C-alpha cells in the first residue's frame, strides 16, 4: 500500500514537472514576442546614453539603429574608424536629434591600461543607460582545436574578444548603474552555449562563459533595479554567420533586433527571436543528449567539408 502511494506521488510529481516545462517553453516562445507589452526602455535605463560594441555590422549595428530610434544617444565602439564614421552618419541622417560618439578599439587587445585610456576615459563623463556587449569572434569553419584555421593566434583572439570586453565593460558601467538603481545590460552570447558543440570548442565555451557570467550578475544585482539580459541567437543572416539568405528561422539583423529589444525586461535569457526560441526549446530542451551530440557532430562535419572544398577550389 505504501509503495503504491509512493508510486502515485512520484507519477503525479512527474506529470506536474512535465506540465511546468511545457508551460515554461510556451511562455518563452510566445509571450515576449507576441503578447508582452514592450517596456519603456528610457525608464528602465534611467539615462540617455547607450554603448554598443562591435557596432559597425550585423547585430551590433542593428542594436545601435534601434536604440537610436528609441531616443538614445550612442557610443559606438569598433576597430575601424571609417566604418564607425559611416554608421554614425547613417544613424544621424535618419534620427536627426541623436548624438553619436565613436571610439576606435581593437578588442583583441587585452591590456587594461588601454581600456582605461581609450574607452573608460571617454565614458566617465557620460550617464550610461544601456550597454550592449555585442562584439564577438567565431571560427572560419568548424574544426578540431589543434587544426583551427589561424592557429594559436585565432584561439587567443576568440577567447579574448568573446570574454574580456563583456566582463570589463559590464564591471565599469554597473558601478554607475548601481548608484542610479537603473540600467540595462545586454550580453550577446549564442545558442552554441546551450550544448558542447563538436568542432566549436572555443566558440561554444566562451559563449557559455557569457551566459554563466550574466546569470551570476543577475543574482548579484537582483535588488539594484538593473536589467541584465542574455541573448543567445540561433542563425542570423550576418557576415559572421556567412549566411546571406533570410527565412522564417534565419532573420536579418534588423528583424532579429526588433524582436530581441521587445523582450527586454520580460525574459532574462532568450534567443531573442520567436522562431529561434521555438528551435531552442525543441532542439535543446527535448532532444536527448546523445541525439543532440550526433546531430551537432554531423552538422559540424558537413559544414567543415563544404568550407574546405570551397577553400580548395579557390586556391
C-alpha atoms as a PDB file:
ATOM      1  CA  UNK A   1       0.000   0.000   0.000  1.00  0.00           C
ATOM      2  CA  UNK A   2       2.803   2.375   0.973  1.00  0.00           C
ATOM      3  CA  UNK A   3       4.706   1.514  -2.221  1.00  0.00           C
ATOM      4  CA  UNK A   4       1.573   2.128  -4.295  1.00  0.00           C
ATOM      5  CA  UNK A   5       1.021   5.564  -2.729  1.00  0.00           C
ATOM      6  CA  UNK A   6       4.669   6.438  -3.241  1.00  0.00           C
ATOM      7  CA  UNK A   7       4.486   5.406  -6.900  1.00  0.00           C
ATOM      8  CA  UNK A   8       1.387   7.545  -7.426  1.00  0.00           C
ATOM      9  CA  UNK A   9       3.046  10.532  -5.747  1.00  0.00           C
ATOM     10  CA  UNK A  10       6.110  10.163  -7.946  1.00  0.00           C
ATOM     11  CA  UNK A  11       3.906   9.781 -11.018  1.00  0.00           C
ATOM     12  CA  UNK A  12       1.876  12.890 -10.234  1.00  0.00           C
ATOM     13  CA  UNK A  13       5.040  14.805  -9.452  1.00  0.00           C
ATOM     14  CA  UNK A  14       6.486  13.808 -12.817  1.00  0.00           C
ATOM     15  CA  UNK A  15       3.338  14.945 -14.628  1.00  0.00           C
ATOM     16  CA  UNK A  16       3.407  18.284 -12.805  1.00  0.00           C
ATOM     17  CA  UNK A  17       7.070  18.708 -13.784  1.00  0.00           C
ATOM     18  CA  UNK A  18       6.324  17.942 -17.451  1.00  0.00           C
ATOM     19  CA  UNK A  19       3.391  20.378 -17.408  1.00  0.00           C
ATOM     20  CA  UNK A  20       5.596  23.057 -15.866  1.00  0.00           C
ATOM     21  CA  UNK A  21       8.323  22.533 -18.501  1.00  0.00           C
ATOM     22  CA  UNK A  22       5.762  22.680 -21.303  1.00  0.00           C
ATOM     23  CA  UNK A  23       4.166  25.873 -19.992  1.00  0.00           C
ATOM     24  CA  UNK A  24       7.578  27.466 -19.448  1.00  0.00           C
ATOM     25  CA  UNK A  25       8.566  26.646 -23.014  1.00  0.00           C
ATOM     26  CA  UNK A  26       5.337  28.068 -24.403  1.00  0.00           C
ATOM     27  CA  UNK A  27       5.837  31.226 -22.339  1.00  0.00           C
ATOM     28  CA  UNK A  28       9.408  31.643 -23.602  1.00  0.00           C
ATOM     29  CA  UNK A  29       8.356  31.124 -27.222  1.00  0.00           C
ATOM     30  CA  UNK A  30       5.165  33.161 -27.382  1.00  0.00           C
ATOM     31  CA  UNK A  31       4.770  35.704 -24.587  1.00  0.00           C
ATOM     32  CA  UNK A  32       7.812  38.007 -25.060  1.00  0.00           C
ATOM     33  CA  UNK A  33       7.309  38.295 -28.808  1.00  0.00           C
ATOM     34  CA  UNK A  34       3.536  38.313 -29.296  1.00  0.00           C
ATOM     35  CA  UNK A  35       1.701  39.349 -26.150  1.00  0.00           C
ATOM     36  CA  UNK A  36       4.053  41.201 -23.820  1.00  0.00           C
ATOM     37  CA  UNK A  37       3.770  44.982 -23.857  1.00  0.00           C
ATOM     38  CA  UNK A  38       7.283  46.323 -24.577  1.00  0.00           C
ATOM     39  CA  UNK A  39       8.835  48.145 -21.652  1.00  0.00           C
ATOM     40  CA  UNK A  40       9.735  51.799 -21.833  1.00  0.00           C
ATOM     41  CA  UNK A  41      13.490  51.412 -22.293  1.00  0.00           C
ATOM     42  CA  UNK A  42      14.197  55.009 -21.276  1.00  0.00           C
ATOM     43  CA  UNK A  43      12.526  54.309 -17.929  1.00  0.00           C
ATOM     44  CA  UNK A  44      14.438  51.048 -17.418  1.00  0.00           C
ATOM     45  CA  UNK A  45      17.738  52.654 -18.430  1.00  0.00           C
ATOM     46  CA  UNK A  46      17.439  55.819 -16.374  1.00  0.00           C
ATOM     47  CA  UNK A  47      19.994  57.595 -18.588  1.00  0.00           C
ATOM     48  CA  UNK A  48      20.215  58.627 -22.221  1.00  0.00           C
ATOM     49  CA  UNK A  49      23.484  57.106 -23.461  1.00  0.00           C
ATOM     50  CA  UNK A  50      23.750  53.611 -24.960  1.00  0.00           C
ATOM     51  CA  UNK A  51      27.116  51.920 -25.564  1.00  0.00           C
ATOM     52  CA  UNK A  52      27.300  49.272 -28.294  1.00  0.00           C
ATOM     53  CA  UNK A  53      30.411  47.209 -29.062  1.00  0.00           C
ATOM     54  CA  UNK A  54      31.001  45.596 -32.450  1.00  0.00           C
ATOM     55  CA  UNK A  55      28.590  48.179 -33.813  1.00  0.00           C
ATOM     56  CA  UNK A  56      29.601  48.579 -37.471  1.00  0.00           C
ATOM     57  CA  UNK A  57      27.920  45.469 -38.843  1.00  0.00           C
ATOM     58  CA  UNK A  58      25.280  42.815 -38.244  1.00  0.00           C
ATOM     59  CA  UNK A  59      23.516  42.538 -34.906  1.00  0.00           C
ATOM     60  CA  UNK A  60      25.571  45.274 -33.236  1.00  0.00           C
ATOM     61  CA  UNK A  61      24.748  47.818 -35.919  1.00  0.00           C
ATOM     62  CA  UNK A  62      21.068  46.825 -35.762  1.00  0.00           C
ATOM     63  CA  UNK A  63      21.033  47.351 -31.969  1.00  0.00           C
ATOM     64  CA  UNK A  64      22.597  50.788 -32.443  1.00  0.00           C
ATOM     65  CA  UNK A  65      19.998  51.813 -35.028  1.00  0.00           C
ATOM     66  CA  UNK A  66      17.070  50.509 -32.982  1.00  0.00           C
ATOM     67  CA  UNK A  67      18.267  52.215 -29.785  1.00  0.00           C
ATOM     68  CA  UNK A  68      18.683  55.472 -31.718  1.00  0.00           C
ATOM     69  CA  UNK A  69      15.108  55.089 -32.935  1.00  0.00           C
ATOM     70  CA  UNK A  70      14.075  54.855 -29.283  1.00  0.00           C
ATOM     71  CA  UNK A  71      15.789  58.138 -28.465  1.00  0.00           C
ATOM     72  CA  UNK A  72      19.126  57.033 -27.029  1.00  0.00           C
ATOM     73  CA  UNK A  73      22.368  58.830 -27.771  1.00  0.00           C
ATOM     74  CA  UNK A  74      25.064  56.387 -28.830  1.00  0.00           C
ATOM     75  CA  UNK A  75      28.659  55.460 -28.163  1.00  0.00           C
ATOM     76  CA  UNK A  76      29.768  53.081 -30.899  1.00  0.00           C
ATOM     77  CA  UNK A  77      32.927  51.044 -30.304  1.00  0.00           C
ATOM     78  CA  UNK A  78      34.670  49.100 -33.055  1.00  0.00           C
ATOM     79  CA  UNK A  79      38.118  48.761 -34.624  1.00  0.00           C
ATOM     80  CA  UNK A  80      37.597  50.687 -37.884  1.00  0.00           C
ATOM     81  CA  UNK A  81      37.173  54.461 -37.799  1.00  0.00           C
ATOM     82  CA  UNK A  82      35.968  54.515 -41.414  1.00  0.00           C
ATOM     83  CA  UNK A  83      33.173  52.055 -40.656  1.00  0.00           C
ATOM     84  CA  UNK A  84      32.289  53.831 -37.408  1.00  0.00           C
ATOM     85  CA  UNK A  85      32.034  57.140 -39.236  1.00  0.00           C
ATOM     86  CA  UNK A  86      29.807  55.615 -41.916  1.00  0.00           C
ATOM     87  CA  UNK A  87      27.449  54.018 -39.365  1.00  0.00           C
ATOM     88  CA  UNK A  88      27.308  57.211 -37.290  1.00  0.00           C
ATOM     89  CA  UNK A  89      26.386  59.237 -40.383  1.00  0.00           C
ATOM     90  CA  UNK A  90      23.744  56.680 -41.434  1.00  0.00           C
ATOM     91  CA  UNK A  91      22.128  56.823 -37.992  1.00  0.00           C
ATOM     92  CA  UNK A  92      22.248  60.602 -37.691  1.00  0.00           C
ATOM     93  CA  UNK A  93      20.808  61.087 -41.166  1.00  0.00           C
ATOM     94  CA  UNK A  94      17.735  59.098 -40.105  1.00  0.00           C
ATOM     95  CA  UNK A  95      17.458  60.280 -36.485  1.00  0.00           C
ATOM     96  CA  UNK A  96      18.493  63.933 -36.508  1.00  0.00           C
ATOM     97  CA  UNK A  97      18.342  64.579 -32.761  1.00  0.00           C
ATOM     98  CA  UNK A  98      20.593  61.695 -31.707  1.00  0.00           C
ATOM     99  CA  UNK A  99      24.197  62.278 -30.685  1.00  0.00           C
ATOM    100  CA  UNK A 100      26.678  59.631 -31.814  1.00  0.00           C
ATOM    101  CA  UNK A 101      30.184  59.319 -30.409  1.00  0.00           C
ATOM    102  CA  UNK A 102      32.688  56.788 -31.762  1.00  0.00           C
ATOM    103  CA  UNK A 103      35.612  55.006 -30.132  1.00  0.00           C
ATOM    104  CA  UNK A 104      38.180  53.040 -32.095  1.00  0.00           C
ATOM    105  CA  UNK A 105      39.310  49.936 -30.232  1.00  0.00           C
ATOM    106  CA  UNK A 106      40.561  46.524 -31.307  1.00  0.00           C
ATOM    107  CA  UNK A 107      39.097  44.070 -28.796  1.00  0.00           C
ATOM    108  CA  UNK A 108      41.894  41.555 -29.366  1.00  0.00           C
ATOM    109  CA  UNK A 109      43.781  43.975 -27.108  1.00  0.00           C
ATOM    110  CA  UNK A 110      43.615  42.592 -23.569  1.00  0.00           C
ATOM    111  CA  UNK A 111      45.533  45.414 -21.858  1.00  0.00           C
ATOM    112  CA  UNK A 112      43.566  47.055 -19.044  1.00  0.00           C
ATOM    113  CA  UNK A 113      45.610  50.242 -19.421  1.00  0.00           C
ATOM    114  CA  UNK A 114      44.356  50.613 -22.993  1.00  0.00           C
ATOM    115  CA  UNK A 115      40.733  50.049 -21.924  1.00  0.00           C
ATOM    116  CA  UNK A 116      41.225  52.805 -19.357  1.00  0.00           C
ATOM    117  CA  UNK A 117      42.915  55.301 -21.672  1.00  0.00           C
ATOM    118  CA  UNK A 118      40.902  54.669 -24.845  1.00  0.00           C
ATOM    119  CA  UNK A 119      37.431  53.642 -23.631  1.00  0.00           C
ATOM    120  CA  UNK A 120      36.796  54.377 -19.959  1.00  0.00           C
ATOM    121  CA  UNK A 121      38.304  57.870 -20.184  1.00  0.00           C
ATOM    122  CA  UNK A 122      35.657  58.748 -22.786  1.00  0.00           C
ATOM    123  CA  UNK A 123      32.786  57.090 -20.932  1.00  0.00           C
ATOM    124  CA  UNK A 124      33.439  58.578 -17.494  1.00  0.00           C
ATOM    125  CA  UNK A 125      31.618  61.844 -18.263  1.00  0.00           C
ATOM    126  CA  UNK A 126      28.525  60.109 -19.661  1.00  0.00           C
ATOM    127  CA  UNK A 127      25.471  58.700 -17.931  1.00  0.00           C
ATOM    128  CA  UNK A 128      25.196  55.263 -19.494  1.00  0.00           C
ATOM    129  CA  UNK A 129      21.732  53.781 -19.520  1.00  0.00           C
ATOM    130  CA  UNK A 130      22.300  50.838 -21.852  1.00  0.00           C
ATOM    131  CA  UNK A 131      25.310  48.629 -22.549  1.00  0.00           C
ATOM    132  CA  UNK A 132      25.160  46.153 -25.435  1.00  0.00           C
ATOM    133  CA  UNK A 133      28.096  43.752 -25.239  1.00  0.00           C
ATOM    134  CA  UNK A 134      27.900  42.500 -28.800  1.00  0.00           C
ATOM    135  CA  UNK A 135      31.466  42.223 -30.080  1.00  0.00           C
ATOM    136  CA  UNK A 136      32.447  38.641 -30.813  1.00  0.00           C
ATOM    137  CA  UNK A 137      34.606  36.389 -32.969  1.00  0.00           C
ATOM    138  CA  UNK A 138      33.973  32.920 -34.348  1.00  0.00           C
ATOM    139  CA  UNK A 139      35.731  30.268 -36.445  1.00  0.00           C
ATOM    140  CA  UNK A 140      36.197  30.430 -40.201  1.00  0.00           C
ATOM    141  CA  UNK A 141      34.630  26.962 -40.197  1.00  0.00           C
ATOM    142  CA  UNK A 142      34.153  24.133 -37.659  1.00  0.00           C
ATOM    143  CA  UNK A 143      37.466  22.481 -36.830  1.00  0.00           C
ATOM    144  CA  UNK A 144      39.281  20.484 -34.172  1.00  0.00           C
ATOM    145  CA  UNK A 145      41.206  22.658 -31.715  1.00  0.00           C
ATOM    146  CA  UNK A 146      44.736  21.756 -32.837  1.00  0.00           C
ATOM    147  CA  UNK A 147      43.886  22.304 -36.521  1.00  0.00           C
ATOM    148  CA  UNK A 148      41.901  25.528 -36.163  1.00  0.00           C
ATOM    149  CA  UNK A 149      42.315  27.997 -39.029  1.00  0.00           C
ATOM    150  CA  UNK A 150      44.596  30.744 -37.745  1.00  0.00           C
ATOM    151  CA  UNK A 151      46.214  28.539 -35.118  1.00  0.00           C
ATOM    152  CA  UNK A 152      47.068  29.740 -31.639  1.00  0.00           C
ATOM    153  CA  UNK A 153      46.580  33.406 -32.571  1.00  0.00           C
ATOM    154  CA  UNK A 154      42.995  32.764 -33.650  1.00  0.00           C
ATOM    155  CA  UNK A 155      42.363  30.779 -30.458  1.00  0.00           C
ATOM    156  CA  UNK A 156      43.746  33.672 -28.404  1.00  0.00           C
ATOM    157  CA  UNK A 157      41.687  36.266 -30.259  1.00  0.00           C
ATOM    158  CA  UNK A 158      38.415  34.309 -29.929  1.00  0.00           C
ATOM    159  CA  UNK A 159      38.983  33.721 -26.227  1.00  0.00           C
ATOM    160  CA  UNK A 160      39.834  37.360 -25.500  1.00  0.00           C
ATOM    161  CA  UNK A 161      37.168  39.005 -27.683  1.00  0.00           C
ATOM    162  CA  UNK A 162      34.335  36.749 -26.524  1.00  0.00           C
ATOM    163  CA  UNK A 163      35.018  37.103 -22.789  1.00  0.00           C
ATOM    164  CA  UNK A 164      37.100  40.107 -21.728  1.00  0.00           C
ATOM    165  CA  UNK A 165      35.132  43.060 -23.225  1.00  0.00           C
ATOM    166  CA  UNK A 166      31.855  41.791 -21.756  1.00  0.00           C
ATOM    167  CA  UNK A 167      33.495  41.342 -18.360  1.00  0.00           C
ATOM    168  CA  UNK A 168      35.338  44.661 -18.157  1.00  0.00           C
ATOM    169  CA  UNK A 169      32.656  46.866 -19.716  1.00  0.00           C
ATOM    170  CA  UNK A 170      29.958  45.305 -17.523  1.00  0.00           C
ATOM    171  CA  UNK A 171      32.045  45.908 -14.403  1.00  0.00           C
ATOM    172  CA  UNK A 172      32.648  49.514 -15.440  1.00  0.00           C
ATOM    173  CA  UNK A 173      29.064  50.535 -16.245  1.00  0.00           C
ATOM    174  CA  UNK A 174      27.389  48.500 -13.494  1.00  0.00           C
ATOM    175  CA  UNK A 175      29.070  50.701 -10.904  1.00  0.00           C
ATOM    176  CA  UNK A 176      27.228  53.823 -12.070  1.00  0.00           C
ATOM    177  CA  UNK A 177      24.034  51.904 -12.857  1.00  0.00           C
ATOM    178  CA  UNK A 178      24.017  50.531  -9.324  1.00  0.00           C
ATOM    179  CA  UNK A 179      24.319  54.040  -7.880  1.00  0.00           C
ATOM    180  CA  UNK A 180      21.387  55.129 -10.059  1.00  0.00           C
ATOM    181  CA  UNK A 181      19.371  51.928  -9.410  1.00  0.00           C
ATOM    182  CA  UNK A 182      18.576  51.731 -13.115  1.00  0.00           C
ATOM    183  CA  UNK A 183      20.237  50.482 -16.265  1.00  0.00           C
ATOM    184  CA  UNK A 184      20.152  47.825 -18.971  1.00  0.00           C
ATOM    185  CA  UNK A 185      22.987  45.434 -19.815  1.00  0.00           C
ATOM    186  CA  UNK A 186      22.522  43.174 -22.840  1.00  0.00           C
ATOM    187  CA  UNK A 187      25.115  40.441 -23.280  1.00  0.00           C
ATOM    188  CA  UNK A 188      25.156  38.748 -26.667  1.00  0.00           C
ATOM    189  CA  UNK A 189      26.066  35.082 -26.372  1.00  0.00           C
ATOM    190  CA  UNK A 190      24.973  32.338 -28.793  1.00  0.00           C
ATOM    191  CA  UNK A 191      22.869  29.197 -28.946  1.00  0.00           C
ATOM    192  CA  UNK A 192      26.272  27.495 -29.205  1.00  0.00           C
ATOM    193  CA  UNK A 193      26.374  27.965 -25.435  1.00  0.00           C
ATOM    194  CA  UNK A 194      23.468  25.551 -24.972  1.00  0.00           C
ATOM    195  CA  UNK A 195      25.433  22.433 -25.903  1.00  0.00           C
ATOM    196  CA  UNK A 196      29.033  21.224 -26.038  1.00  0.00           C
ATOM    197  CA  UNK A 197      29.384  21.619 -29.796  1.00  0.00           C
ATOM    198  CA  UNK A 198      31.744  19.330 -31.697  1.00  0.00           C
ATOM    199  CA  UNK A 199      34.436  21.272 -33.625  1.00  0.00           C
ATOM    200  CA  UNK A 200      33.371  24.566 -31.977  1.00  0.00           C
ATOM    201  CA  UNK A 201      35.262  24.163 -28.691  1.00  0.00           C
ATOM    202  CA  UNK A 202      36.477  27.720 -28.034  1.00  0.00           C
ATOM    203  CA  UNK A 203      33.447  29.477 -29.500  1.00  0.00           C
ATOM    204  CA  UNK A 204      30.941  27.310 -27.618  1.00  0.00           C
ATOM    205  CA  UNK A 205      32.897  27.528 -24.355  1.00  0.00           C
ATOM    206  CA  UNK A 206      33.356  31.313 -24.477  1.00  0.00           C
ATOM    207  CA  UNK A 207      29.674  31.868 -25.215  1.00  0.00           C
ATOM    208  CA  UNK A 208      28.816  29.640 -22.261  1.00  0.00           C
ATOM    209  CA  UNK A 209      31.028  31.926 -20.177  1.00  0.00           C
ATOM    210  CA  UNK A 210      28.887  34.899 -21.226  1.00  0.00           C
ATOM    211  CA  UNK A 211      25.699  33.063 -20.171  1.00  0.00           C
ATOM    212  CA  UNK A 212      27.204  31.986 -16.858  1.00  0.00           C
ATOM    213  CA  UNK A 213      28.578  35.451 -16.089  1.00  0.00           C
ATOM    214  CA  UNK A 214      25.244  37.102 -16.920  1.00  0.00           C
ATOM    215  CA  UNK A 215      23.290  34.714 -14.710  1.00  0.00           C
ATOM    216  CA  UNK A 216      25.577  35.381 -11.754  1.00  0.00           C
ATOM    217  CA  UNK A 217      25.378  39.141 -12.308  1.00  0.00           C
ATOM    218  CA  UNK A 218      21.581  38.946 -12.295  1.00  0.00           C
ATOM    219  CA  UNK A 219      21.789  37.349  -8.847  1.00  0.00           C
ATOM    220  CA  UNK A 220      24.335  39.851  -7.564  1.00  0.00           C
ATOM    221  CA  UNK A 221      22.331  42.854  -8.802  1.00  0.00           C
ATOM    222  CA  UNK A 222      18.853  41.401  -8.216  1.00  0.00           C
ATOM    223  CA  UNK A 223      17.863  44.208  -5.837  1.00  0.00           C
ATOM    224  CA  UNK A 224      19.532  47.017  -7.795  1.00  0.00           C
ATOM    225  CA  UNK A 225      16.840  47.793 -10.368  1.00  0.00           C
ATOM    226  CA  UNK A 226      19.235  46.880 -13.199  1.00  0.00           C
ATOM    227  CA  UNK A 227      18.014  44.736 -16.103  1.00  0.00           C
ATOM    228  CA  UNK A 228      20.627  42.224 -17.268  1.00  0.00           C
ATOM    229  CA  UNK A 229      19.635  40.160 -20.289  1.00  0.00           C
ATOM    230  CA  UNK A 230      21.496  37.390 -22.101  1.00  0.00           C
ATOM    231  CA  UNK A 231      20.666  36.918 -25.783  1.00  0.00           C
ATOM    232  CA  UNK A 232      21.623  33.607 -27.424  1.00  0.00           C
ATOM    233  CA  UNK A 233      20.735  33.791 -31.135  1.00  0.00           C
ATOM    234  CA  UNK A 234      20.430  30.855 -33.465  1.00  0.00           C
ATOM    235  CA  UNK A 235      21.247  31.652 -37.133  1.00  0.00           C
ATOM    236  CA  UNK A 236      21.043  35.298 -38.243  1.00  0.00           C
ATOM    237  CA  UNK A 237      21.990  36.424 -41.753  1.00  0.00           C
ATOM    238  CA  UNK A 238      25.216  38.326 -40.957  1.00  0.00           C
ATOM    239  CA  UNK A 239      28.764  38.444 -42.257  1.00  0.00           C
ATOM    240  CA  UNK A 240      29.977  36.434 -39.255  1.00  0.00           C
ATOM    241  CA  UNK A 241      27.491  33.617 -39.870  1.00  0.00           C
ATOM    242  CA  UNK A 242      28.286  33.705 -43.620  1.00  0.00           C
ATOM    243  CA  UNK A 243      24.557  33.304 -44.302  1.00  0.00           C
ATOM    244  CA  UNK A 244      23.004  35.628 -46.862  1.00  0.00           C
ATOM    245  CA  UNK A 245      19.526  34.230 -47.475  1.00  0.00           C
ATOM    246  CA  UNK A 246      16.834  35.029 -44.909  1.00  0.00           C
ATOM    247  CA  UNK A 247      13.947  32.757 -43.956  1.00  0.00           C
ATOM    248  CA  UNK A 248      11.462  32.137 -41.137  1.00  0.00           C
ATOM    249  CA  UNK A 249      14.267  30.692 -38.993  1.00  0.00           C
ATOM    250  CA  UNK A 250      17.019  32.998 -40.328  1.00  0.00           C
ATOM    251  CA  UNK A 251      16.099  36.677 -39.928  1.00  0.00           C
ATOM    252  CA  UNK A 252      18.214  39.597 -40.999  1.00  0.00           C
ATOM    253  CA  UNK A 253      19.829  41.612 -38.164  1.00  0.00           C
ATOM    254  CA  UNK A 254      17.131  44.308 -38.192  1.00  0.00           C
ATOM    255  CA  UNK A 255      14.315  41.761 -37.863  1.00  0.00           C
ATOM    256  CA  UNK A 256      16.182  39.964 -35.114  1.00  0.00           C
ATOM    257  CA  UNK A 257      16.961  43.055 -33.042  1.00  0.00           C
ATOM    258  CA  UNK A 258      13.424  44.470 -33.239  1.00  0.00           C
ATOM    259  CA  UNK A 259      12.203  41.217 -31.664  1.00  0.00           C
ATOM    260  CA  UNK A 260      15.033  40.978 -29.145  1.00  0.00           C
ATOM    261  CA  UNK A 261      14.552  44.533 -27.872  1.00  0.00           C
ATOM    262  CA  UNK A 262      10.840  43.850 -27.442  1.00  0.00           C
ATOM    263  CA  UNK A 263      11.739  41.091 -24.954  1.00  0.00           C
ATOM    264  CA  UNK A 264      13.873  43.268 -22.641  1.00  0.00           C
ATOM    265  CA  UNK A 265      12.511  43.187 -19.114  1.00  0.00           C
ATOM    266  CA  UNK A 266      10.283  40.193 -19.838  1.00  0.00           C
ATOM    267  CA  UNK A 267      12.843  37.379 -20.099  1.00  0.00           C
ATOM    268  CA  UNK A 268      16.329  37.321 -18.584  1.00  0.00           C
ATOM    269  CA  UNK A 269      17.797  34.805 -21.039  1.00  0.00           C
ATOM    270  CA  UNK A 270      16.424  34.260 -24.531  1.00  0.00           C
ATOM    271  CA  UNK A 271      17.394  33.517 -28.099  1.00  0.00           C
ATOM    272  CA  UNK A 272      15.948  36.940 -28.939  1.00  0.00           C
ATOM    273  CA  UNK A 273      13.585  35.803 -31.700  1.00  0.00           C
ATOM    274  CA  UNK A 274      10.403  33.734 -31.603  1.00  0.00           C
ATOM    275  CA  UNK A 275      11.426  31.262 -34.328  1.00  0.00           C
ATOM    276  CA  UNK A 276      14.814  30.830 -32.670  1.00  0.00           C
ATOM    277  CA  UNK A 277      13.187  30.235 -29.296  1.00  0.00           C
ATOM    278  CA  UNK A 278      10.994  27.566 -30.858  1.00  0.00           C
ATOM    279  CA  UNK A 279      14.097  25.864 -32.262  1.00  0.00           C
ATOM    280  CA  UNK A 280      15.942  26.117 -28.956  1.00  0.00           C
ATOM    281  CA  UNK A 281      13.072  24.767 -26.859  1.00  0.00           C
ATOM    282  CA  UNK A 282      12.699  21.757 -29.166  1.00  0.00           C
ATOM    283  CA  UNK A 283      16.334  21.032 -30.005  1.00  0.00           C
ATOM    284  CA  UNK A 284      17.997  21.798 -26.686  1.00  0.00           C
ATOM    285  CA  UNK A 285      15.012  21.184 -24.435  1.00  0.00           C
ATOM    286  CA  UNK A 286      13.569  17.934 -25.778  1.00  0.00           C
ATOM    287  CA  UNK A 287      16.249  16.000 -27.651  1.00  0.00           C
ATOM    288  CA  UNK A 288      18.277  13.512 -25.574  1.00  0.00           C
ATOM    289  CA  UNK A 289      21.947  14.424 -25.228  1.00  0.00           C
ATOM    290  CA  UNK A 290      23.197  11.509 -27.330  1.00  0.00           C
ATOM    291  CA  UNK A 291      20.852  12.518 -30.183  1.00  0.00           C
ATOM    292  CA  UNK A 292      21.944  16.149 -29.925  1.00  0.00           C
ATOM    293  CA  UNK A 293      25.583  15.047 -29.937  1.00  0.00           C
ATOM    294  CA  UNK A 294      25.012  13.088 -33.148  1.00  0.00           C
ATOM    295  CA  UNK A 295      23.074  15.877 -34.880  1.00  0.00           C
ATOM    296  CA  UNK A 296      25.542  18.642 -33.997  1.00  0.00           C
ATOM    297  CA  UNK A 297      28.572  16.490 -34.838  1.00  0.00           C
ATOM    298  CA  UNK A 298      27.190  15.567 -38.264  1.00  0.00           C
ATOM    299  CA  UNK A 299      26.294  19.203 -38.950  1.00  0.00           C
ATOM    300  CA  UNK A 300      29.773  20.419 -37.978  1.00  0.00           C
ATOM    301  CA  UNK A 301      31.495  17.818 -40.141  1.00  0.00           C
ATOM    302  CA  UNK A 302      29.297  18.649 -43.136  1.00  0.00           C
ATOM    303  CA  UNK A 303      29.859  22.402 -42.703  1.00  0.00           C
ATOM    304  CA  UNK A 304      33.594  21.818 -42.394  1.00  0.00           C
ATOM    305  CA  UNK A 305      33.671  19.666 -45.544  1.00  0.00           C
ATOM    306  CA  UNK A 306      31.843  22.336 -47.554  1.00  0.00           C
ATOM    307  CA  UNK A 307      34.185  25.052 -46.309  1.00  0.00           C
ATOM    308  CA  UNK A 308      37.325  23.062 -47.100  1.00  0.00           C
ATOM    309  CA  UNK A 309      36.007  22.191 -50.553  1.00  0.00           C
ATOM    310  CA  UNK A 310      35.305  25.861 -51.266  1.00  0.00           C
ATOM    311  CA  UNK A 311      38.714  26.829 -49.908  1.00  0.00           C
ATOM    312  CA  UNK A 312      40.469  24.266 -52.111  1.00  0.00           C
ATOM    313  CA  UNK A 313      38.534  25.383 -55.180  1.00  0.00           C
ATOM    314  CA  UNK A 314      39.569  28.980 -54.569  1.00  0.00           C
ATOM    315  CA  UNK A 315      43.286  28.205 -54.475  1.00  0.00           C
END
